Every structure is written in C-alpha cells, then in structure tokens.
Amino acid sequence: MSKAKPGFRVGQYFCSFPEGEFIKEDEDGNLFVMVDIFKINKDDSVEKIQQSELTPDVEEQINSAINTMLLEALENDKKLGDTDVKD
C-alpha cells in the first residue's frame, strides 16, 4: 500500500471502508457495511482479497470489530445529544 488508508487490522488482514456510501441495504431491508479487505503478506506487501477467501473465524472477527465501532459511535452520539447547553 503506497499511502496510508484509514481502517483497522484484524490479524493478518487490513480492512478499510471504500470511498462513497459504504452502508448498503439488501432486498429484505437488512443493513450491511461494505469493506475492502487486504491480506498482509510476510514481506509486508498487501493484496486485496474477496470476502469469500476469508475463513468464518476471520469474517466473524471483522464483523465484531465493525459492530464495536458502530456501538462506540452510537454511544458517542448519544453522549453529545445528552449534553445540556446553557446560555
């Protein structure tokens, strides 16, 4: 990777959010988050991979990291909304 991208690491994988809208909805109304997944090789080179190449364990770890980020963002938003502003 020539320039740093914002994202997070899970084991030997690096995940980042694609440009533009990365929260999608399927036909059933379920929301999901799009991520670009890169495998970090032993020589520190990276290669983009498809979700189908992940083991179920790694996929669960990535989903857990995303859920944690979303819950933290919601909690921070709630804290900001609970702040009383006095004139």
Protein backbone atom coordinates (compact mmCIF):
# COMPACT_ATOMS: atom_id res chain seq x y z
CA MET A 1 0.00 0.00 0.00
CA SER A 2 1.70 3.19 -1.10
CA LYS A 3 -0.21 5.60 1.11
CA ALA A 4 -1.91 5.03 4.41
CA LYS A 5 -5.64 4.39 4.33
CA PRO A 6 -7.85 4.74 7.37
CA GLY A 7 -9.03 1.39 8.57
CA PHE A 8 -8.40 -1.35 11.07
CA ARG A 9 -6.37 -4.52 11.31
CA VAL A 10 -7.64 -7.97 12.19
CA GLY A 11 -4.82 -10.48 12.43
CA GLN A 12 -3.07 -10.60 9.06
CA TYR A 13 -5.83 -8.59 7.35
CA PHE A 14 -6.35 -4.87 6.94
CA CYS A 15 -9.87 -3.55 6.38
CA SER A 16 -10.85 -0.13 5.09
CA PHE A 17 -14.11 1.45 4.04
CA PRO A 18 -14.50 2.18 0.33
CA GLU A 19 -14.98 5.73 -0.96
CA GLY A 20 -18.56 6.99 -1.01
CA GLU A 21 -21.53 5.24 0.50
CA PHE A 22 -20.40 2.08 2.28
CA ILE A 23 -23.57 1.21 4.20
CA LYS A 24 -25.96 -0.74 1.98
CA GLU A 25 -29.39 -2.31 2.31
CA ASP A 26 -30.45 -5.62 0.76
CA GLU A 27 -33.89 -6.50 -0.65
CA ASP A 28 -35.06 -7.69 2.79
CA GLY A 29 -34.20 -4.38 4.46
CA ASN A 30 -31.08 -5.67 6.23
CA LEU A 31 -28.22 -3.19 6.50
CA PHE A 32 -24.61 -4.16 5.97
CA VAL A 33 -21.25 -2.41 5.81
CA MET A 34 -19.01 -2.69 2.75
CA VAL A 35 -15.28 -3.09 3.46
CA ASP A 36 -12.22 -3.52 1.31
CA ILE A 37 -10.13 -6.38 2.71
CA PHE A 38 -6.39 -6.70 2.17
CA LYS A 39 -4.19 -9.62 3.19
CA ILE A 40 -0.88 -8.54 4.71
CA ASN A 41 1.85 -10.90 3.50
CA LYS A 42 5.02 -11.86 5.41
CA ASP A 43 7.05 -9.34 3.36
CA ASP A 44 4.55 -6.60 4.39
CA SER A 45 3.13 -6.39 0.87
CA VAL A 46 -0.66 -6.38 0.65
CA GLU A 47 -3.14 -7.82 -1.77
CA LYS A 48 -6.85 -7.11 -2.00
CA ILE A 49 -8.94 -10.21 -1.45
CA GLN A 50 -12.61 -11.12 -1.67
CA GLN A 51 -14.74 -11.91 1.37
CA SER A 52 -15.20 -15.45 0.02
CA GLU A 53 -11.47 -16.04 0.64
CA LEU A 54 -11.84 -15.50 4.41
CA THR A 55 -12.30 -18.22 6.97
CA PRO A 56 -15.53 -17.98 9.00
CA ASP A 57 -13.43 -17.15 12.09
CA VAL A 58 -11.73 -14.15 10.44
CA GLU A 59 -15.04 -12.98 8.96
CA GLU A 60 -16.56 -13.06 12.46
CA GLN A 61 -13.61 -11.08 13.87
CA ILE A 62 -14.06 -8.41 11.18
CA ASN A 63 -17.82 -8.26 11.83
CA SER A 64 -17.15 -7.94 15.56
CA ALA A 65 -14.69 -5.07 15.01
CA ILE A 66 -17.23 -3.24 12.82
CA ASN A 67 -20.01 -3.77 15.38
CA THR A 68 -17.77 -2.42 18.14
CA MET A 69 -17.01 0.71 16.08
CA LEU A 70 -20.71 1.26 15.35
CA LEU A 71 -21.70 0.84 19.00
CA GLU A 72 -18.95 3.26 20.10
CA ALA A 73 -20.10 5.81 17.52
CA LEU A 74 -23.72 5.49 18.68
CA GLU A 75 -22.65 5.86 22.32
CA ASN A 76 -20.59 8.97 21.50
CA ASP A 77 -23.50 10.43 19.55
CA LYS A 78 -25.82 9.75 22.49
CA LYS A 79 -23.40 11.45 24.89
CA LEU A 80 -23.23 14.51 22.63
CA GLY A 81 -27.04 14.58 22.44
CA ASP A 82 -27.34 14.39 26.23
CA THR A 83 -25.15 17.45 26.78
CA ASP A 84 -27.11 20.45 28.02
CA VAL A 85 -26.08 23.75 26.53
CA LYS A 86 -26.84 26.78 28.72
CA ASP A 87 -26.73 30.38 27.59
